[in-house]
Every structure is written in C-alpha cells, then in structure tokens.
Amino acid sequence: MSYTQTVEIPDSRRIFLDLPLYLPVGKANITVIPQTEKPAVNAYEAATSLRGLAKKMGSTLTVEQFHEMQQEDLRLEEEKYSRLFPNKG
C-alpha cells in the first residue's frame, strides 16, 4: 500500500502530515521526492473540459428541473421542521 501527498516545503523545511485513518499504525517508510517542475495547469482548459460533462454522461436534467428539485427539497425541509417544532404561540 502506498499513500502519496504533495506538500509545499516552507523555508523552515518543516512539514506536518495528516494521514488518513485507514492507514495502519506502526512503522512506515517515508520517501521524499523533490518535484523540480510544476505540471502545466491551464485553469481555463480544465473548466471548459468539465462543462457539459453530465450531458456527455447521458444526463437529461435541465437547470429548470434542478431548481424545481431544490424548491421541493426546501418545502420538505420546512414541513419536517414544522412537525418537529410546532408553533406554540
């Protein structure tokens, strides 16, 4: 099993790792591999590649349908709240 975490090394050269709970406790080997180049990330290309992802996956949900679903969720939450905390005044 291996776990990889990319971190920024500060001027103090001190880092602290928060490890996931599924890692077993006990001895472990930690390897530090310096990353000399940062990967080229074009935020615009990344965002445009995500646009329409749901449609590409076959979703037929429209914005209007999504808003209707939100309104229905809010209505159900209000009904549940009213049942739990009836107005006593």
PDB file of N, CA and C in Angstrom:
ATOM      1  N   MET A   1       0.846  -1.163   0.000  1.00  0.00           N
ATOM      2  CA  MET A   1       0.000   0.000   0.000  1.00  0.00           C
ATOM      3  C   MET A   1       0.895   1.230   0.000  1.00  0.00           C
ATOM      4  N   SER A   2       0.527   2.216  -0.806  1.00  0.00           N
ATOM      5  CA  SER A   2       1.281   3.459  -0.777  1.00  0.00           C
ATOM      6  C   SER A   2       0.311   4.625  -0.689  1.00  0.00           C
ATOM      7  N   TYR A   3       0.763   5.692  -0.103  1.00  0.00           N
ATOM      8  CA  TYR A   3      -0.030   6.902   0.073  1.00  0.00           C
ATOM      9  C   TYR A   3       0.828   8.054  -0.390  1.00  0.00           C
ATOM     10  N   THR A   4       0.297   8.869  -1.282  1.00  0.00           N
ATOM     11  CA  THR A   4       1.048   9.999  -1.816  1.00  0.00           C
ATOM     12  C   THR A   4       0.349  11.284  -1.432  1.00  0.00           C
ATOM     13  N   GLN A   5       1.138  12.247  -0.970  1.00  0.00           N
ATOM     14  CA  GLN A   5       0.597  13.553  -0.616  1.00  0.00           C
ATOM     15  C   GLN A   5       1.594  14.596  -1.091  1.00  0.00           C
ATOM     16  N   THR A   6       1.140  15.537  -1.909  1.00  0.00           N
ATOM     17  CA  THR A   6       2.005  16.609  -2.380  1.00  0.00           C
ATOM     18  C   THR A   6       1.910  17.770  -1.400  1.00  0.00           C
ATOM     19  N   VAL A   7       3.045  18.265  -0.964  1.00  0.00           N
ATOM     20  CA  VAL A   7       3.080  19.358   0.008  1.00  0.00           C
ATOM     21  C   VAL A   7       4.040  20.441  -0.466  1.00  0.00           C
ATOM     22  N   GLU A   8       3.807  21.649   0.024  1.00  0.00           N
ATOM     23  CA  GLU A   8       4.741  22.751  -0.200  1.00  0.00           C
ATOM     24  C   GLU A   8       5.725  22.752   0.963  1.00  0.00           C
ATOM     25  N   ILE A   9       7.005  22.794   0.668  1.00  0.00           N
ATOM     26  CA  ILE A   9       8.014  22.819   1.724  1.00  0.00           C
ATOM     27  C   ILE A   9       8.324  24.273   2.037  1.00  0.00           C
ATOM     28  N   PRO A  10       8.073  24.714   3.275  1.00  0.00           N
ATOM     29  CA  PRO A  10       8.328  26.110   3.635  1.00  0.00           C
ATOM     30  C   PRO A  10       9.811  26.357   3.868  1.00  0.00           C
ATOM     31  N   ASP A  11      10.156  27.625   4.091  1.00  0.00           N
ATOM     32  CA  ASP A  11      11.551  27.996   4.336  1.00  0.00           C
ATOM     33  C   ASP A  11      12.127  27.271   5.550  1.00  0.00           C
ATOM     34  N   SER A  12      11.281  26.972   6.531  1.00  0.00           N
ATOM     35  CA  SER A  12      11.756  26.300   7.740  1.00  0.00           C
ATOM     36  C   SER A  12      12.090  24.834   7.490  1.00  0.00           C
ATOM     37  N   ARG A  13      11.675  24.307   6.326  1.00  0.00           N
ATOM     38  CA  ARG A  13      11.892  22.913   5.948  1.00  0.00           C
ATOM     39  C   ARG A  13      11.185  21.944   6.886  1.00  0.00           C
ATOM     40  N   ARG A  14      10.110  22.406   7.563  1.00  0.00           N
ATOM     41  CA  ARG A  14       9.340  21.554   8.460  1.00  0.00           C
ATOM     42  C   ARG A  14       7.975  21.316   7.845  1.00  0.00           C
ATOM     43  N   ILE A  15       7.567  20.056   7.817  1.00  0.00           N
ATOM     44  CA  ILE A  15       6.237  19.720   7.331  1.00  0.00           C
ATOM     45  C   ILE A  15       5.546  18.818   8.344  1.00  0.00           C
ATOM     46  N   PHE A  16       4.225  18.858   8.340  1.00  0.00           N
ATOM     47  CA  PHE A  16       3.410  18.019   9.189  1.00  0.00           C
ATOM     48  C   PHE A  16       2.444  17.283   8.280  1.00  0.00           C
ATOM     49  N   LEU A  17       2.294  16.004   8.487  1.00  0.00           N
ATOM     50  CA  LEU A  17       1.430  15.193   7.646  1.00  0.00           C
ATOM     51  C   LEU A  17       0.189  14.763   8.409  1.00  0.00           C
ATOM     52  N   ASP A  18      -0.965  14.968   7.797  1.00  0.00           N
ATOM     53  CA  ASP A  18      -2.216  14.425   8.306  1.00  0.00           C
ATOM     54  C   ASP A  18      -2.506  13.187   7.468  1.00  0.00           C
ATOM     55  N   LEU A  19      -2.417  12.045   8.096  1.00  0.00           N
ATOM     56  CA  LEU A  19      -2.593  10.785   7.375  1.00  0.00           C
ATOM     57  C   LEU A  19      -4.020  10.283   7.520  1.00  0.00           C
ATOM     58  N   PRO A  20      -4.543   9.626   6.496  1.00  0.00           N
ATOM     59  CA  PRO A  20      -5.906   9.091   6.580  1.00  0.00           C
ATOM     60  C   PRO A  20      -6.009   7.989   7.620  1.00  0.00           C
ATOM     61  N   LEU A  21      -7.197   7.853   8.197  1.00  0.00           N
ATOM     62  CA  LEU A  21      -7.411   6.875   9.266  1.00  0.00           C
ATOM     63  C   LEU A  21      -7.284   5.435   8.800  1.00  0.00           C
ATOM     64  N   TYR A  22      -7.433   5.194   7.494  1.00  0.00           N
ATOM     65  CA  TYR A  22      -7.358   3.808   7.032  1.00  0.00           C
ATOM     66  C   TYR A  22      -5.924   3.290   6.969  1.00  0.00           C
ATOM     67  N   LEU A  23      -4.927   4.154   7.124  1.00  0.00           N
ATOM     68  CA  LEU A  23      -3.550   3.671   7.149  1.00  0.00           C
ATOM     69  C   LEU A  23      -3.287   2.959   8.465  1.00  0.00           C
ATOM     70  N   PRO A  24      -2.609   1.831   8.428  1.00  0.00           N
ATOM     71  CA  PRO A  24      -2.343   1.117   9.674  1.00  0.00           C
ATOM     72  C   PRO A  24      -1.312   1.857  10.519  1.00  0.00           C
ATOM     73  N   VAL A  25      -1.400   1.703  11.820  1.00  0.00           N
ATOM     74  CA  VAL A  25      -0.420   2.307  12.710  1.00  0.00           C
ATOM     75  C   VAL A  25       0.807   1.411  12.769  1.00  0.00           C
ATOM     76  N   GLY A  26       1.915   1.998  13.157  1.00  0.00           N
ATOM     77  CA  GLY A  26       3.159   1.242  13.239  1.00  0.00           C
ATOM     78  C   GLY A  26       4.238   1.910  12.408  1.00  0.00           C
ATOM     79  N   LYS A  27       5.293   1.193  12.181  1.00  0.00           N
ATOM     80  CA  LYS A  27       6.423   1.730  11.434  1.00  0.00           C
ATOM     81  C   LYS A  27       6.076   1.876   9.962  1.00  0.00           C
ATOM     82  N   ALA A  28       6.659   2.910   9.355  1.00  0.00           N
ATOM     83  CA  ALA A  28       6.437   3.131   7.930  1.00  0.00           C
ATOM     84  C   ALA A  28       7.668   3.815   7.351  1.00  0.00           C
ATOM     85  N   ASN A  29       7.909   3.599   6.086  1.00  0.00           N
ATOM     86  CA  ASN A  29       8.979   4.294   5.382  1.00  0.00           C
ATOM     87  C   ASN A  29       8.376   5.507   4.683  1.00  0.00           C
ATOM     88  N   ILE A  30       9.023   6.648   4.821  1.00  0.00           N
ATOM     89  CA  ILE A  30       8.578   7.863   4.150  1.00  0.00           C
ATOM     90  C   ILE A  30       9.660   8.271   3.176  1.00  0.00           C
ATOM     91  N   THR A  31       9.285   8.470   1.937  1.00  0.00           N
ATOM     92  CA  THR A  31      10.226   8.870   0.899  1.00  0.00           C
ATOM     93  C   THR A  31       9.872  10.268   0.428  1.00  0.00           C
ATOM     94  N   VAL A  32      10.863  11.135   0.360  1.00  0.00           N
ATOM     95  CA  VAL A  32      10.669  12.491  -0.137  1.00  0.00           C
ATOM     96  C   VAL A  32      11.303  12.564  -1.526  1.00  0.00           C
ATOM     97  N   ILE A  33      10.479  12.900  -2.506  1.00  0.00           N
ATOM     98  CA  ILE A  33      10.959  13.036  -3.879  1.00  0.00           C
ATOM     99  C   ILE A  33      10.711  14.471  -4.318  1.00  0.00           C
ATOM    100  N   PRO A  34      11.760  15.271  -4.511  1.00  0.00           N
ATOM    101  CA  PRO A  34      11.548  16.658  -4.909  1.00  0.00           C
ATOM    102  C   PRO A  34      10.924  16.739  -6.304  1.00  0.00           C
ATOM    103  N   GLN A  35       9.996  17.646  -6.443  1.00  0.00           N
ATOM    104  CA  GLN A  35       9.354  17.878  -7.730  1.00  0.00           C
ATOM    105  C   GLN A  35       9.991  19.127  -8.316  1.00  0.00           C
ATOM    106  N   THR A  36      10.791  18.941  -9.344  1.00  0.00           N
ATOM    107  CA  THR A  36      11.548  20.075  -9.879  1.00  0.00           C
ATOM    108  C   THR A  36      10.693  20.974 -10.760  1.00  0.00           C
ATOM    109  N   GLU A  37       9.723  20.409 -11.466  1.00  0.00           N
ATOM    110  CA  GLU A  37       8.863  21.215 -12.313  1.00  0.00           C
ATOM    111  C   GLU A  37       7.420  21.052 -11.871  1.00  0.00           C
ATOM    112  N   LYS A  38       6.700  22.161 -11.928  1.00  0.00           N
ATOM    113  CA  LYS A  38       5.277  22.077 -11.638  1.00  0.00           C
ATOM    114  C   LYS A  38       4.560  21.682 -12.918  1.00  0.00           C
ATOM    115  N   PRO A  39       3.559  20.823 -12.801  1.00  0.00           N
ATOM    116  CA  PRO A  39       2.818  20.443 -14.006  1.00  0.00           C
ATOM    117  C   PRO A  39       2.068  21.640 -14.566  1.00  0.00           C
ATOM    118  N   ALA A  40       2.018  21.713 -15.866  1.00  0.00           N
ATOM    119  CA  ALA A  40       1.323  22.817 -16.523  1.00  0.00           C
ATOM    120  C   ALA A  40      -0.178  22.641 -16.332  1.00  0.00           C
ATOM    121  N   VAL A  41      -0.801  23.605 -15.687  1.00  0.00           N
ATOM    122  CA  VAL A  41      -2.233  23.554 -15.451  1.00  0.00           C
ATOM    123  C   VAL A  41      -2.846  24.804 -16.055  1.00  0.00           C
ATOM    124  N   ASN A  42      -3.718  24.591 -16.996  1.00  0.00           N
ATOM    125  CA  ASN A  42      -4.432  25.696 -17.594  1.00  0.00           C
ATOM    126  C   ASN A  42      -5.845  25.658 -17.035  1.00  0.00           C
ATOM    127  N   ALA A  43      -6.151  26.596 -16.151  1.00  0.00           N
ATOM    128  CA  ALA A  43      -7.446  26.584 -15.469  1.00  0.00           C
ATOM    129  C   ALA A  43      -8.595  26.703 -16.462  1.00  0.00           C
ATOM    130  N   TYR A  44      -8.425  27.490 -17.495  1.00  0.00           N
ATOM    131  CA  TYR A  44      -9.492  27.671 -18.471  1.00  0.00           C
ATOM    132  C   TYR A  44      -9.792  26.353 -19.184  1.00  0.00           C
ATOM    133  N   GLU A  45      -8.752  25.647 -19.605  1.00  0.00           N
ATOM    134  CA  GLU A  45      -8.959  24.361 -20.283  1.00  0.00           C
ATOM    135  C   GLU A  45      -9.599  23.345 -19.346  1.00  0.00           C
ATOM    136  N   ALA A  46      -9.182  23.357 -18.089  1.00  0.00           N
ATOM    137  CA  ALA A  46      -9.763  22.418 -17.124  1.00  0.00           C
ATOM    138  C   ALA A  46     -11.243  22.704 -16.930  1.00  0.00           C
ATOM    139  N   ALA A  47     -11.600  23.986 -16.819  1.00  0.00           N
ATOM    140  CA  ALA A  47     -13.008  24.341 -16.621  1.00  0.00           C
ATOM    141  C   ALA A  47     -13.844  24.016 -17.849  1.00  0.00           C
ATOM    142  N   THR A  48     -13.321  24.303 -19.029  1.00  0.00           N
ATOM    143  CA  THR A  48     -14.102  24.037 -20.233  1.00  0.00           C
ATOM    144  C   THR A  48     -14.252  22.539 -20.482  1.00  0.00           C
ATOM    145  N   SER A  49     -13.298  21.748 -20.053  1.00  0.00           N
ATOM    146  CA  SER A  49     -13.441  20.303 -20.239  1.00  0.00           C
ATOM    147  C   SER A  49     -14.525  19.736 -19.326  1.00  0.00           C
ATOM    148  N   LEU A  50     -14.801  20.412 -18.214  1.00  0.00           N
ATOM    149  CA  LEU A  50     -15.838  19.951 -17.298  1.00  0.00           C
ATOM    150  C   LEU A  50     -17.236  20.380 -17.724  1.00  0.00           C
ATOM    151  N   ARG A  51     -17.311  21.454 -18.518  1.00  0.00           N
ATOM    152  CA  ARG A  51     -18.622  21.920 -18.965  1.00  0.00           C
ATOM    153  C   ARG A  51     -19.269  20.847 -19.830  1.00  0.00           C
ATOM    154  N   GLY A  52     -20.473  20.552 -19.541  1.00  0.00           N
ATOM    155  CA  GLY A  52     -21.198  19.568 -20.320  1.00  0.00           C
ATOM    156  C   GLY A  52     -20.863  18.140 -19.969  1.00  0.00           C
ATOM    157  N   LEU A  53     -20.129  17.924 -18.894  1.00  0.00           N
ATOM    158  CA  LEU A  53     -19.730  16.577 -18.518  1.00  0.00           C
ATOM    159  C   LEU A  53     -20.947  15.699 -18.224  1.00  0.00           C
ATOM    160  N   ALA A  54     -21.918  16.256 -17.493  1.00  0.00           N
ATOM    161  CA  ALA A  54     -23.112  15.467 -17.169  1.00  0.00           C
ATOM    162  C   ALA A  54     -23.878  15.100 -18.437  1.00  0.00           C
ATOM    163  N   LYS A  55     -23.951  16.046 -19.368  1.00  0.00           N
ATOM    164  CA  LYS A  55     -24.661  15.763 -20.613  1.00  0.00           C
ATOM    165  C   LYS A  55     -23.938  14.677 -21.401  1.00  0.00           C
ATOM    166  N   LYS A  56     -22.610  14.714 -21.388  1.00  0.00           N
ATOM    167  CA  LYS A  56     -21.833  13.687 -22.076  1.00  0.00           C
ATOM    168  C   LYS A  56     -22.072  12.310 -21.461  1.00  0.00           C
ATOM    169  N   MET A  57     -22.388  12.313 -20.166  1.00  0.00           N
ATOM    170  CA  MET A  57     -22.625  11.049 -19.468  1.00  0.00           C
ATOM    171  C   MET A  57     -24.074  10.594 -19.596  1.00  0.00           C
ATOM    172  N   GLY A  58     -24.887  11.367 -20.311  1.00  0.00           N
ATOM    173  CA  GLY A  58     -26.253  10.934 -20.567  1.00  0.00           C
ATOM    174  C   GLY A  58     -27.316  11.596 -19.712  1.00  0.00           C
ATOM    175  N   SER A  59     -26.962  12.591 -18.918  1.00  0.00           N
ATOM    176  CA  SER A  59     -27.952  13.251 -18.085  1.00  0.00           C
ATOM    177  C   SER A  59     -28.874  14.120 -18.932  1.00  0.00           C
ATOM    178  N   THR A  60     -30.159  14.114 -18.582  1.00  0.00           N
ATOM    179  CA  THR A  60     -31.127  14.961 -19.282  1.00  0.00           C
ATOM    180  C   THR A  60     -31.667  16.049 -18.362  1.00  0.00           C
ATOM    181  N   LEU A  61     -31.081  16.204 -17.196  1.00  0.00           N
ATOM    182  CA  LEU A  61     -31.531  17.188 -16.222  1.00  0.00           C
ATOM    183  C   LEU A  61     -31.269  18.595 -16.733  1.00  0.00           C
ATOM    184  N   THR A  62     -32.293  19.449 -16.668  1.00  0.00           N
ATOM    185  CA  THR A  62     -32.133  20.840 -17.080  1.00  0.00           C
ATOM    186  C   THR A  62     -31.983  21.717 -15.848  1.00  0.00           C
ATOM    187  N   VAL A  63     -31.581  22.946 -16.048  1.00  0.00           N
ATOM    188  CA  VAL A  63     -31.435  23.887 -14.940  1.00  0.00           C
ATOM    189  C   VAL A  63     -32.788  24.122 -14.280  1.00  0.00           C
ATOM    190  N   GLU A  64     -33.825  24.226 -15.087  1.00  0.00           N
ATOM    191  CA  GLU A  64     -35.162  24.446 -14.543  1.00  0.00           C
ATOM    192  C   GLU A  64     -35.588  23.267 -13.665  1.00  0.00           C
ATOM    193  N   GLN A  65     -35.338  22.053 -14.128  1.00  0.00           N
ATOM    194  CA  GLN A  65     -35.677  20.871 -13.331  1.00  0.00           C
ATOM    195  C   GLN A  65     -34.884  20.850 -12.029  1.00  0.00           C
ATOM    196  N   PHE A  66     -33.632  21.251 -12.105  1.00  0.00           N
ATOM    197  CA  PHE A  66     -32.789  21.281 -10.910  1.00  0.00           C
ATOM    198  C   PHE A  66     -33.340  22.278  -9.896  1.00  0.00           C
ATOM    199  N   HIS A  67     -33.749  23.473 -10.373  1.00  0.00           N
ATOM    200  CA  HIS A  67     -34.323  24.474  -9.479  1.00  0.00           C
ATOM    201  C   HIS A  67     -35.628  23.979  -8.862  1.00  0.00           C
ATOM    202  N   GLU A  68     -36.434  23.281  -9.629  1.00  0.00           N
ATOM    203  CA  GLU A  68     -37.669  22.707  -9.094  1.00  0.00           C
ATOM    204  C   GLU A  68     -37.352  21.689  -8.001  1.00  0.00           C
ATOM    205  N   MET A  69     -36.326  20.880  -8.214  1.00  0.00           N
ATOM    206  CA  MET A  69     -35.917  19.903  -7.209  1.00  0.00           C
ATOM    207  C   MET A  69     -35.455  20.602  -5.932  1.00  0.00           C
ATOM    208  N   GLN A  70     -34.721  21.706  -6.091  1.00  0.00           N
ATOM    209  CA  GLN A  70     -34.273  22.467  -4.925  1.00  0.00           C
ATOM    210  C   GLN A  70     -35.462  23.009  -4.144  1.00  0.00           C
ATOM    211  N   GLN A  71     -36.432  23.582  -4.861  1.00  0.00           N
ATOM    212  CA  GLN A  71     -37.619  24.120  -4.204  1.00  0.00           C
ATOM    213  C   GLN A  71     -38.391  23.024  -3.462  1.00  0.00           C
ATOM    214  N   GLU A  72     -38.511  21.859  -4.068  1.00  0.00           N
ATOM    215  CA  GLU A  72     -39.192  20.740  -3.428  1.00  0.00           C
ATOM    216  C   GLU A  72     -38.448  20.312  -2.164  1.00  0.00           C
ATOM    217  N   ASP A  73     -37.107  20.268  -2.226  1.00  0.00           N
ATOM    218  CA  ASP A  73     -36.317  19.925  -1.043  1.00  0.00           C
ATOM    219  C   ASP A  73     -36.551  20.934   0.076  1.00  0.00           C
ATOM    220  N   LEU A  74     -36.570  22.224  -0.278  1.00  0.00           N
ATOM    221  CA  LEU A  74     -36.802  23.260   0.733  1.00  0.00           C
ATOM    222  C   LEU A  74     -38.196  23.113   1.348  1.00  0.00           C
ATOM    223  N   ARG A  75     -39.190  22.814   0.516  1.00  0.00           N
ATOM    224  CA  ARG A  75     -40.552  22.629   1.010  1.00  0.00           C
ATOM    225  C   ARG A  75     -40.618  21.458   1.988  1.00  0.00           C
ATOM    226  N   LEU A  76     -39.965  20.347   1.624  1.00  0.00           N
ATOM    227  CA  LEU A  76     -39.958  19.180   2.508  1.00  0.00           C
ATOM    228  C   LEU A  76     -39.225  19.466   3.817  1.00  0.00           C
ATOM    229  N   GLU A  77     -38.139  20.215   3.756  1.00  0.00           N
ATOM    230  CA  GLU A  77     -37.418  20.577   4.974  1.00  0.00           C
ATOM    231  C   GLU A  77     -38.284  21.446   5.881  1.00  0.00           C
ATOM    232  N   GLU A  78     -39.021  22.399   5.288  1.00  0.00           N
ATOM    233  CA  GLU A  78     -39.908  23.253   6.068  1.00  0.00           C
ATOM    234  C   GLU A  78     -41.011  22.436   6.723  1.00  0.00           C
ATOM    235  N   GLU A  79     -41.583  21.480   5.995  1.00  0.00           N
ATOM    236  CA  GLU A  79     -42.621  20.620   6.572  1.00  0.00           C
ATOM    237  C   GLU A  79     -42.067  19.809   7.738  1.00  0.00           C
ATOM    238  N   LYS A  80     -40.880  19.264   7.566  1.00  0.00           N
ATOM    239  CA  LYS A  80     -40.260  18.468   8.633  1.00  0.00           C
ATOM    240  C   LYS A  80     -39.979  19.346   9.853  1.00  0.00           C
ATOM    241  N   TYR A  81     -39.480  20.552   9.608  1.00  0.00           N
ATOM    242  CA  TYR A  81     -39.195  21.475  10.704  1.00  0.00           C
ATOM    243  C   TYR A  81     -40.486  21.832  11.435  1.00  0.00           C
ATOM    244  N   SER A  82     -41.557  22.070  10.686  1.00  0.00           N
ATOM    245  CA  SER A  82     -42.846  22.433  11.297  1.00  0.00           C
ATOM    246  C   SER A  82     -43.378  21.299  12.165  1.00  0.00           C
ATOM    247  N   ARG A  83     -43.166  20.039  11.729  1.00  0.00           N
ATOM    248  CA  ARG A  83     -43.616  18.905  12.533  1.00  0.00           C
ATOM    249  C   ARG A  83     -42.787  18.759  13.802  1.00  0.00           C
ATOM    250  N   LEU A  84     -41.490  19.009  13.695  1.00  0.00           N
ATOM    251  CA  LEU A  84     -40.613  18.841  14.854  1.00  0.00           C
ATOM    252  C   LEU A  84     -40.770  19.975  15.858  1.00  0.00           C
ATOM    253  N   PHE A  85     -41.013  21.180  15.365  1.00  0.00           N
ATOM    254  CA  PHE A  85     -41.119  22.359  16.228  1.00  0.00           C
ATOM    255  C   PHE A  85     -42.404  23.102  15.917  1.00  0.00           C
ATOM    256  N   PRO A  86     -43.509  22.557  16.382  1.00  0.00           N
ATOM    257  CA  PRO A  86     -44.789  23.235  16.098  1.00  0.00           C
ATOM    258  C   PRO A  86     -44.839  24.607  16.763  1.00  0.00           C
ATOM    259  N   ASN A  87     -45.530  25.522  16.113  1.00  0.00           N
ATOM    260  CA  ASN A  87     -45.654  26.878  16.613  1.00  0.00           C
ATOM    261  C   ASN A  87     -46.601  26.885  17.814  1.00  0.00           C
ATOM    262  N   LYS A  88     -46.087  27.237  19.006  1.00  0.00           N
ATOM    263  CA  LYS A  88     -46.908  27.187  20.217  1.00  0.00           C
ATOM    264  C   LYS A  88     -47.499  28.554  20.546  1.00  0.00           C
ATOM    265  N   GLY A  89     -47.233  29.538  19.732  1.00  0.00           N
ATOM    266  CA  GLY A  89     -47.707  30.881  20.058  1.00  0.00           C
ATOM    267  C   GLY A  89     -48.912  31.175  19.342  1.00  0.00           C
TER     268      GLY A  89
END
